[in-house]
Every structure is written in structure tokens, then in C-alpha cells.
All heavy atoms as atom14 arrays in JSON, in Angstrom:
{
  "sequence": "EISPTPRARNLIPEEHANIIDWEHWDIEKIWHILRGTESW",
  "atom14_mask": [
    [1, 1, 1, 1, 1, 1, 1, 1, 1, 0, 0, 0, 0, 0],
    [1, 1, 1, 1, 1, 1, 1, 1, 0, 0, 0, 0, 0, 0],
    [1, 1, 1, 1, 1, 1, 0, 0, 0, 0, 0, 0, 0, 0],
    [1, 1, 1, 1, 1, 1, 1, 0, 0, 0, 0, 0, 0, 0],
    [1, 1, 1, 1, 1, 1, 1, 0, 0, 0, 0, 0, 0, 0],
    [1, 1, 1, 1, 1, 1, 1, 0, 0, 0, 0, 0, 0, 0],
    [1, 1, 1, 1, 1, 1, 1, 1, 1, 1, 1, 0, 0, 0],
    [1, 1, 1, 1, 1, 0, 0, 0, 0, 0, 0, 0, 0, 0],
    [1, 1, 1, 1, 1, 1, 1, 1, 1, 1, 1, 0, 0, 0],
    [1, 1, 1, 1, 1, 1, 1, 1, 0, 0, 0, 0, 0, 0],
    [1, 1, 1, 1, 1, 1, 1, 1, 0, 0, 0, 0, 0, 0],
    [1, 1, 1, 1, 1, 1, 1, 1, 0, 0, 0, 0, 0, 0],
    [1, 1, 1, 1, 1, 1, 1, 0, 0, 0, 0, 0, 0, 0],
    [1, 1, 1, 1, 1, 1, 1, 1, 1, 0, 0, 0, 0, 0],
    [1, 1, 1, 1, 1, 1, 1, 1, 1, 0, 0, 0, 0, 0],
    [1, 1, 1, 1, 1, 1, 1, 1, 1, 1, 0, 0, 0, 0],
    [1, 1, 1, 1, 1, 0, 0, 0, 0, 0, 0, 0, 0, 0],
    [1, 1, 1, 1, 1, 1, 1, 1, 0, 0, 0, 0, 0, 0],
    [1, 1, 1, 1, 1, 1, 1, 1, 0, 0, 0, 0, 0, 0],
    [1, 1, 1, 1, 1, 1, 1, 1, 0, 0, 0, 0, 0, 0],
    [1, 1, 1, 1, 1, 1, 1, 1, 0, 0, 0, 0, 0, 0],
    [1, 1, 1, 1, 1, 1, 1, 1, 1, 1, 1, 1, 1, 1],
    [1, 1, 1, 1, 1, 1, 1, 1, 1, 0, 0, 0, 0, 0],
    [1, 1, 1, 1, 1, 1, 1, 1, 1, 1, 0, 0, 0, 0],
    [1, 1, 1, 1, 1, 1, 1, 1, 1, 1, 1, 1, 1, 1],
    [1, 1, 1, 1, 1, 1, 1, 1, 0, 0, 0, 0, 0, 0],
    [1, 1, 1, 1, 1, 1, 1, 1, 0, 0, 0, 0, 0, 0],
    [1, 1, 1, 1, 1, 1, 1, 1, 1, 0, 0, 0, 0, 0],
    [1, 1, 1, 1, 1, 1, 1, 1, 1, 0, 0, 0, 0, 0],
    [1, 1, 1, 1, 1, 1, 1, 1, 0, 0, 0, 0, 0, 0],
    [1, 1, 1, 1, 1, 1, 1, 1, 1, 1, 1, 1, 1, 1],
    [1, 1, 1, 1, 1, 1, 1, 1, 1, 1, 0, 0, 0, 0],
    [1, 1, 1, 1, 1, 1, 1, 1, 0, 0, 0, 0, 0, 0],
    [1, 1, 1, 1, 1, 1, 1, 1, 0, 0, 0, 0, 0, 0],
    [1, 1, 1, 1, 1, 1, 1, 1, 1, 1, 1, 0, 0, 0],
    [1, 1, 1, 1, 0, 0, 0, 0, 0, 0, 0, 0, 0, 0],
    [1, 1, 1, 1, 1, 1, 1, 0, 0, 0, 0, 0, 0, 0],
    [1, 1, 1, 1, 1, 1, 1, 1, 1, 0, 0, 0, 0, 0],
    [1, 1, 1, 1, 1, 1, 0, 0, 0, 0, 0, 0, 0, 0],
    [1, 1, 1, 1, 1, 1, 1, 1, 1, 1, 1, 1, 1, 1]
  ],
  "atom14_positions": [
    [[29.14, 6.45, 5.04], [28.36, 5.45, 5.76], [27.39, 6.1, 6.74], [26.38, 5.52, 7.09], [29.3, 4.49, 6.5], [30.14, 3.62, 5.57], [30.99, 2.64, 6.34], [30.87, 2.61, 7.6], [31.78, 1.92, 5.71], [0.0, 0.0, 0.0], [0.0, 0.0, 0.0], [0.0, 0.0, 0.0], [0.0, 0.0, 0.0], [0.0, 0.0, 0.0]],
    [[27.72, 7.31, 7.19], [26.91, 7.99, 8.2], [26.13, 9.12, 7.55], [26.67, 9.95, 6.84], [27.81, 8.56, 9.33], [28.57, 7.42, 10.01], [26.96, 9.31, 10.36], [29.57, 7.89, 11.05], [0.0, 0.0, 0.0], [0.0, 0.0, 0.0], [0.0, 0.0, 0.0], [0.0, 0.0, 0.0], [0.0, 0.0, 0.0], [0.0, 0.0, 0.0]],
    [[24.83, 9.15, 7.81], [23.98, 10.24, 7.32], [23.97, 11.38, 8.33], [23.93, 11.13, 9.54], [22.56, 9.73, 7.09], [21.69, 10.81, 6.77], [0.0, 0.0, 0.0], [0.0, 0.0, 0.0], [0.0, 0.0, 0.0], [0.0, 0.0, 0.0], [0.0, 0.0, 0.0], [0.0, 0.0, 0.0], [0.0, 0.0, 0.0], [0.0, 0.0, 0.0]],
    [[23.99, 12.63, 7.87], [23.93, 13.76, 8.8], [22.54, 13.98, 9.4], [22.37, 14.81, 10.28], [24.34, 14.94, 7.93], [23.95, 14.55, 6.55], [24.18, 13.07, 6.49], [0.0, 0.0, 0.0], [0.0, 0.0, 0.0], [0.0, 0.0, 0.0], [0.0, 0.0, 0.0], [0.0, 0.0, 0.0], [0.0, 0.0, 0.0], [0.0, 0.0, 0.0]],
    [[21.55, 13.23, 8.92], [20.18, 13.36, 9.44], [19.68, 12.01, 9.93], [20.13, 10.97, 9.44], [19.21, 13.88, 8.35], [19.21, 12.95, 7.25], [19.65, 15.25, 7.86], [0.0, 0.0, 0.0], [0.0, 0.0, 0.0], [0.0, 0.0, 0.0], [0.0, 0.0, 0.0], [0.0, 0.0, 0.0], [0.0, 0.0, 0.0], [0.0, 0.0, 0.0]],
    [[18.74, 12.01, 10.88], [18.15, 10.73, 11.3], [17.44, 10.06, 10.14], [17.08, 10.68, 9.15], [17.16, 11.14, 12.4], [17.62, 12.49, 12.86], [18.22, 13.15, 11.65], [0.0, 0.0, 0.0], [0.0, 0.0, 0.0], [0.0, 0.0, 0.0], [0.0, 0.0, 0.0], [0.0, 0.0, 0.0], [0.0, 0.0, 0.0], [0.0, 0.0, 0.0]],
    [[17.2, 8.76, 10.27], [16.5, 7.99, 9.24], [15.12, 8.61, 8.99], [14.38, 8.92, 9.92], [16.34, 6.54, 9.67], [15.59, 5.68, 8.65], [15.56, 4.22, 9.09], [14.84, 3.4, 8.12], [13.54, 3.12, 8.19], [12.83, 3.56, 9.23], [12.97, 2.38, 7.27], [0.0, 0.0, 0.0], [0.0, 0.0, 0.0], [0.0, 0.0, 0.0]],
    [[14.8, 8.79, 7.73], [13.51, 9.38, 7.34], [12.44, 8.29, 7.34], [11.97, 7.84, 6.3], [13.62, 10.04, 5.97], [0.0, 0.0, 0.0], [0.0, 0.0, 0.0], [0.0, 0.0, 0.0], [0.0, 0.0, 0.0], [0.0, 0.0, 0.0], [0.0, 0.0, 0.0], [0.0, 0.0, 0.0], [0.0, 0.0, 0.0], [0.0, 0.0, 0.0]],
    [[12.05, 7.91, 8.53], [11.12, 6.8, 8.69], [9.67, 7.25, 8.42], [9.37, 8.44, 8.39], [11.2, 6.25, 10.12], [10.81, 7.3, 11.18], [10.89, 6.73, 12.59], [10.55, 7.74, 13.57], [9.31, 8.06, 13.92], [8.29, 7.44, 13.36], [9.07, 8.99, 14.83], [0.0, 0.0, 0.0], [0.0, 0.0, 0.0], [0.0, 0.0, 0.0]],
    [[8.8, 6.27, 8.26], [7.38, 6.55, 8.17], [6.8, 6.79, 9.55], [7.3, 6.25, 10.55], [6.64, 5.37, 7.52], [6.8, 5.36, 6.01], [6.64, 6.38, 5.35], [7.14, 4.21, 5.46], [0.0, 0.0, 0.0], [0.0, 0.0, 0.0], [0.0, 0.0, 0.0], [0.0, 0.0, 0.0], [0.0, 0.0, 0.0], [0.0, 0.0, 0.0]],
    [[5.76, 7.61, 9.62], [5.05, 7.83, 10.86], [3.98, 6.75, 11.03], [3.4, 6.29, 10.05], [4.37, 9.2, 10.87], [5.25, 10.44, 10.77], [4.38, 11.69, 10.76], [6.23, 10.51, 11.92], [0.0, 0.0, 0.0], [0.0, 0.0, 0.0], [0.0, 0.0, 0.0], [0.0, 0.0, 0.0], [0.0, 0.0, 0.0], [0.0, 0.0, 0.0]],
    [[3.71, 6.38, 12.27], [2.56, 5.53, 12.53], [1.39, 6.45, 12.86], [1.58, 7.57, 13.34], [2.83, 4.53, 13.67], [3.19, 5.27, 14.97], [3.94, 3.58, 13.28], [3.36, 4.35, 16.16], [0.0, 0.0, 0.0], [0.0, 0.0, 0.0], [0.0, 0.0, 0.0], [0.0, 0.0, 0.0], [0.0, 0.0, 0.0], [0.0, 0.0, 0.0]],
    [[0.15, 6.02, 12.59], [-1.01, 6.91, 12.79], [-1.08, 7.53, 14.19], [-1.51, 8.68, 14.33], [-2.2, 5.98, 12.53], [-1.68, 4.95, 11.59], [-0.26, 4.73, 11.99], [0.0, 0.0, 0.0], [0.0, 0.0, 0.0], [0.0, 0.0, 0.0], [0.0, 0.0, 0.0], [0.0, 0.0, 0.0], [0.0, 0.0, 0.0], [0.0, 0.0, 0.0]],
    [[-0.65, 6.79, 15.21], [-0.74, 7.3, 16.58], [0.18, 8.5, 16.82], [-0.01, 9.25, 17.79], [-0.39, 6.19, 17.58], [-1.42, 5.05, 17.64], [-1.32, 4.09, 16.46], [-0.3, 4.14, 15.71], [-2.26, 3.28, 16.27], [0.0, 0.0, 0.0], [0.0, 0.0, 0.0], [0.0, 0.0, 0.0], [0.0, 0.0, 0.0], [0.0, 0.0, 0.0]],
    [[1.16, 8.7, 15.95], [2.1, 9.82, 16.13], [1.56, 11.14, 15.6], [2.04, 12.2, 16.0], [3.42, 9.51, 15.42], [4.24, 8.41, 16.03], [5.54, 8.23, 15.28], [5.53, 7.53, 14.24], [6.57, 8.79, 15.72], [0.0, 0.0, 0.0], [0.0, 0.0, 0.0], [0.0, 0.0, 0.0], [0.0, 0.0, 0.0], [0.0, 0.0, 0.0]],
    [[0.61, 11.09, 14.7], [0.16, 12.3, 14.0], [-0.28, 13.39, 14.97], [0.08, 14.56, 14.8], [-0.98, 11.96, 13.04], [-0.54, 11.2, 11.84], [-1.2, 11.27, 10.63], [0.47, 10.34, 11.63], [-0.6, 10.49, 9.74], [0.42, 9.9, 10.34], [0.0, 0.0, 0.0], [0.0, 0.0, 0.0], [0.0, 0.0, 0.0], [0.0, 0.0, 0.0]],
    [[-1.06, 13.02, 15.96], [-1.65, 14.02, 16.86], [-0.62, 14.76, 17.68], [-0.86, 15.9, 18.11], [-2.67, 13.35, 17.78], [0.0, 0.0, 0.0], [0.0, 0.0, 0.0], [0.0, 0.0, 0.0], [0.0, 0.0, 0.0], [0.0, 0.0, 0.0], [0.0, 0.0, 0.0], [0.0, 0.0, 0.0], [0.0, 0.0, 0.0], [0.0, 0.0, 0.0]],
    [[0.56, 14.15, 17.89], [1.57, 14.75, 18.76], [2.81, 15.22, 18.01], [3.83, 15.53, 18.64], [1.98, 13.75, 19.85], [0.8, 13.36, 20.73], [0.02, 14.19, 21.16], [0.66, 12.05, 20.99], [0.0, 0.0, 0.0], [0.0, 0.0, 0.0], [0.0, 0.0, 0.0], [0.0, 0.0, 0.0], [0.0, 0.0, 0.0], [0.0, 0.0, 0.0]],
    [[2.75, 15.27, 16.69], [3.94, 15.6, 15.92], [4.25, 17.1, 15.95], [5.39, 17.51, 15.76], [3.79, 15.11, 14.46], [5.15, 14.93, 13.81], [2.92, 16.05, 13.64], [5.95, 13.78, 14.37], [0.0, 0.0, 0.0], [0.0, 0.0, 0.0], [0.0, 0.0, 0.0], [0.0, 0.0, 0.0], [0.0, 0.0, 0.0], [0.0, 0.0, 0.0]],
    [[3.26, 17.94, 16.21], [3.46, 19.38, 16.25], [3.72, 19.83, 17.7], [2.97, 19.47, 18.6], [2.24, 20.14, 15.71], [1.91, 19.69, 14.28], [2.45, 21.66, 15.77], [2.95, 20.05, 13.26], [0.0, 0.0, 0.0], [0.0, 0.0, 0.0], [0.0, 0.0, 0.0], [0.0, 0.0, 0.0], [0.0, 0.0, 0.0], [0.0, 0.0, 0.0]],
    [[4.77, 20.6, 17.9], [5.05, 21.18, 19.22], [4.37, 22.55, 19.28], [4.95, 23.58, 18.95], [6.57, 21.31, 19.42], [6.94, 21.76, 20.82], [6.05, 22.24, 21.56], [8.13, 21.66, 21.18], [0.0, 0.0, 0.0], [0.0, 0.0, 0.0], [0.0, 0.0, 0.0], [0.0, 0.0, 0.0], [0.0, 0.0, 0.0], [0.0, 0.0, 0.0]],
    [[3.11, 22.55, 19.7], [2.29, 23.76, 19.65], [2.84, 24.86, 20.56], [2.65, 26.05, 20.29], [0.86, 23.44, 20.05], [0.19, 22.44, 19.17], [-0.05, 21.13, 19.45], [-0.3, 22.66, 17.84], [-0.66, 20.51, 18.38], [-0.84, 21.43, 17.39], [-0.35, 23.77, 17.0], [-1.41, 21.28, 16.13], [-0.92, 23.63, 15.74], [-1.43, 22.4, 15.32]],
    [[3.51, 24.51, 21.62], [3.97, 25.49, 22.6], [5.26, 26.19, 22.2], [5.55, 27.29, 22.68], [4.16, 24.81, 23.97], [2.88, 24.23, 24.55], [1.83, 25.31, 24.78], [2.21, 26.45, 25.12], [0.62, 25.02, 24.62], [0.0, 0.0, 0.0], [0.0, 0.0, 0.0], [0.0, 0.0, 0.0], [0.0, 0.0, 0.0], [0.0, 0.0, 0.0]],
    [[6.07, 25.57, 21.33], [7.4, 26.12, 21.06], [7.68, 26.44, 19.6], [8.5, 27.3, 19.32], [8.47, 25.14, 21.58], [8.39, 24.88, 23.05], [7.79, 23.76, 23.58], [8.81, 25.62, 24.11], [7.85, 23.8, 24.9], [8.46, 24.92, 25.25], [0.0, 0.0, 0.0], [0.0, 0.0, 0.0], [0.0, 0.0, 0.0], [0.0, 0.0, 0.0]],
    [[7.04, 25.76, 18.67], [7.32, 26.04, 17.27], [6.65, 27.33, 16.84], [5.54, 27.65, 17.27], [6.82, 24.91, 16.39], [7.64, 23.64, 16.51], [8.75, 23.46, 17.28], [7.39, 22.41, 15.84], [9.21, 22.18, 17.15], [8.4, 21.52, 16.27], [6.43, 21.97, 14.95], [8.48, 20.2, 15.81], [6.49, 20.67, 14.49], [7.51, 19.79, 14.92]],
    [[7.35, 28.09, 15.99], [6.77, 29.35, 15.52], [5.75, 29.09, 14.42], [5.64, 27.99, 13.87], [7.86, 30.33, 15.07], [8.71, 29.8, 13.92], [8.2, 29.05, 13.06], [9.91, 30.14, 13.88], [0.0, 0.0, 0.0], [0.0, 0.0, 0.0], [0.0, 0.0, 0.0], [0.0, 0.0, 0.0], [0.0, 0.0, 0.0], [0.0, 0.0, 0.0]],
    [[5.01, 30.12, 14.08], [3.89, 29.98, 13.15], [4.35, 29.55, 11.76], [3.68, 28.76, 11.09], [3.08, 31.3, 13.1], [1.78, 31.08, 12.33], [3.9, 32.45, 12.52], [0.83, 32.28, 12.41], [0.0, 0.0, 0.0], [0.0, 0.0, 0.0], [0.0, 0.0, 0.0], [0.0, 0.0, 0.0], [0.0, 0.0, 0.0], [0.0, 0.0, 0.0]],
    [[5.51, 30.06, 11.31], [5.98, 29.71, 9.97], [6.26, 28.2, 9.84], [5.92, 27.59, 8.83], [7.25, 30.49, 9.61], [7.03, 31.95, 9.3], [7.13, 32.84, 10.53], [7.23, 32.29, 11.66], [7.13, 34.07, 10.38], [0.0, 0.0, 0.0], [0.0, 0.0, 0.0], [0.0, 0.0, 0.0], [0.0, 0.0, 0.0], [0.0, 0.0, 0.0]],
    [[6.88, 27.63, 10.89], [7.2, 26.2, 10.82], [5.93, 25.36, 10.82], [5.8, 24.42, 10.03], [8.11, 25.8, 11.98], [8.48, 24.33, 11.97], [9.57, 23.99, 12.97], [9.98, 22.53, 12.86], [11.12, 22.18, 13.71], [0.0, 0.0, 0.0], [0.0, 0.0, 0.0], [0.0, 0.0, 0.0], [0.0, 0.0, 0.0], [0.0, 0.0, 0.0]],
    [[4.99, 25.68, 11.71], [3.75, 24.91, 11.77], [2.98, 25.03, 10.45], [2.48, 24.04, 9.91], [2.88, 25.37, 12.96], [3.6, 25.05, 14.28], [1.51, 24.71, 12.92], [2.88, 25.58, 15.51], [0.0, 0.0, 0.0], [0.0, 0.0, 0.0], [0.0, 0.0, 0.0], [0.0, 0.0, 0.0], [0.0, 0.0, 0.0], [0.0, 0.0, 0.0]],
    [[2.88, 26.24, 9.93], [2.18, 26.47, 8.66], [2.86, 25.69, 7.53], [2.19, 25.04, 6.73], [2.18, 27.96, 8.36], [1.58, 28.34, 7.04], [0.26, 28.36, 6.71], [2.28, 28.77, 5.85], [0.08, 28.78, 5.42], [1.31, 29.06, 4.87], [3.62, 28.98, 5.56], [1.64, 29.5, 3.59], [3.96, 29.42, 4.29], [2.98, 29.68, 3.32]],
    [[4.17, 25.72, 7.49], [4.93, 25.04, 6.44], [4.68, 23.53, 6.48], [4.43, 22.91, 5.44], [6.43, 25.33, 6.64], [7.33, 24.67, 5.65], [7.33, 24.98, 4.31], [8.27, 23.69, 5.81], [8.24, 24.25, 3.68], [8.82, 23.44, 4.57], [0.0, 0.0, 0.0], [0.0, 0.0, 0.0], [0.0, 0.0, 0.0], [0.0, 0.0, 0.0]],
    [[4.7, 22.94, 7.67], [4.49, 21.49, 7.78], [3.05, 21.11, 7.45], [2.8, 20.2, 6.66], [4.85, 21.01, 9.2], [6.36, 21.18, 9.45], [4.45, 19.55, 9.4], [6.77, 20.93, 10.88], [0.0, 0.0, 0.0], [0.0, 0.0, 0.0], [0.0, 0.0, 0.0], [0.0, 0.0, 0.0], [0.0, 0.0, 0.0], [0.0, 0.0, 0.0]],
    [[2.09, 21.83, 8.04], [0.69, 21.49, 7.8], [0.29, 21.71, 6.35], [-0.47, 20.93, 5.77], [-0.21, 22.3, 8.73], [-0.11, 21.99, 10.23], [-1.08, 22.87, 11.0], [-0.39, 20.51, 10.5], [0.0, 0.0, 0.0], [0.0, 0.0, 0.0], [0.0, 0.0, 0.0], [0.0, 0.0, 0.0], [0.0, 0.0, 0.0], [0.0, 0.0, 0.0]],
    [[0.77, 22.77, 5.77], [0.43, 23.07, 4.38], [1.04, 22.02, 3.44], [0.39, 21.56, 2.51], [0.94, 24.47, 4.03], [0.51, 24.99, 2.67], [0.89, 26.46, 2.57], [0.84, 26.94, 1.2], [-0.26, 27.42, 0.62], [-1.39, 27.46, 1.29], [-0.22, 27.85, -0.63], [0.0, 0.0, 0.0], [0.0, 0.0, 0.0], [0.0, 0.0, 0.0]],
    [[2.28, 21.64, 3.72], [2.94, 20.67, 2.86], [2.32, 19.29, 2.94], [2.32, 18.54, 1.97], [0.0, 0.0, 0.0], [0.0, 0.0, 0.0], [0.0, 0.0, 0.0], [0.0, 0.0, 0.0], [0.0, 0.0, 0.0], [0.0, 0.0, 0.0], [0.0, 0.0, 0.0], [0.0, 0.0, 0.0], [0.0, 0.0, 0.0], [0.0, 0.0, 0.0]],
    [[1.78, 18.94, 4.11], [1.28, 17.58, 4.32], [-0.23, 17.54, 4.5], [-0.77, 16.6, 5.09], [1.95, 16.96, 5.57], [1.63, 17.76, 6.72], [3.46, 16.93, 5.42], [0.0, 0.0, 0.0], [0.0, 0.0, 0.0], [0.0, 0.0, 0.0], [0.0, 0.0, 0.0], [0.0, 0.0, 0.0], [0.0, 0.0, 0.0], [0.0, 0.0, 0.0]],
    [[-0.93, 18.53, 3.99], [-2.37, 18.66, 4.26], [-3.2, 17.48, 3.78], [-4.29, 17.21, 4.27], [-2.92, 19.95, 3.66], [-2.96, 19.97, 2.15], [-3.57, 21.23, 1.56], [-3.67, 22.23, 2.29], [-3.93, 21.22, 0.36], [0.0, 0.0, 0.0], [0.0, 0.0, 0.0], [0.0, 0.0, 0.0], [0.0, 0.0, 0.0], [0.0, 0.0, 0.0]],
    [[-2.7, 16.71, 2.81], [-3.49, 15.62, 2.25], [-3.45, 14.34, 3.07], [-4.24, 13.42, 2.83], [-3.02, 15.3, 0.83], [-1.68, 14.83, 0.84], [0.0, 0.0, 0.0], [0.0, 0.0, 0.0], [0.0, 0.0, 0.0], [0.0, 0.0, 0.0], [0.0, 0.0, 0.0], [0.0, 0.0, 0.0], [0.0, 0.0, 0.0], [0.0, 0.0, 0.0]],
    [[-2.53, 14.28, 4.09], [-2.46, 13.01, 4.82], [-2.12, 13.13, 6.3], [-2.42, 12.23, 7.08], [-1.44, 12.08, 4.17], [-0.01, 12.61, 4.2], [0.58, 13.4, 3.28], [0.98, 12.37, 5.22], [1.87, 13.68, 3.64], [2.14, 13.06, 4.83], [0.98, 11.64, 6.4], [3.31, 13.05, 5.58], [2.15, 11.64, 7.17], [3.29, 12.32, 6.74]]
  ]
}
């Protein structure tokens, strides 16, 4: 009944600009996310 991860919800457009933690995430994580989602 319990998922080990939070609900995989959709993002609202206003969230896109702040979804990356530029100050703390390493380059591999940022590259991985941006590359995977580059179309939207």
C-alpha cells in the first residue's frame, strides 16, 4: 500500500525554473536531468 518514493506527479510550468538546485547539485546530476528532459 505504501510506495518507497513520493508520488510521481506532473510539474506545473511555474516549477520548471526552480527545479534545479544550481548551488548544490553536481554536474553529472544536472547534465543527466537536462539531457533526459531537453524536449520539454
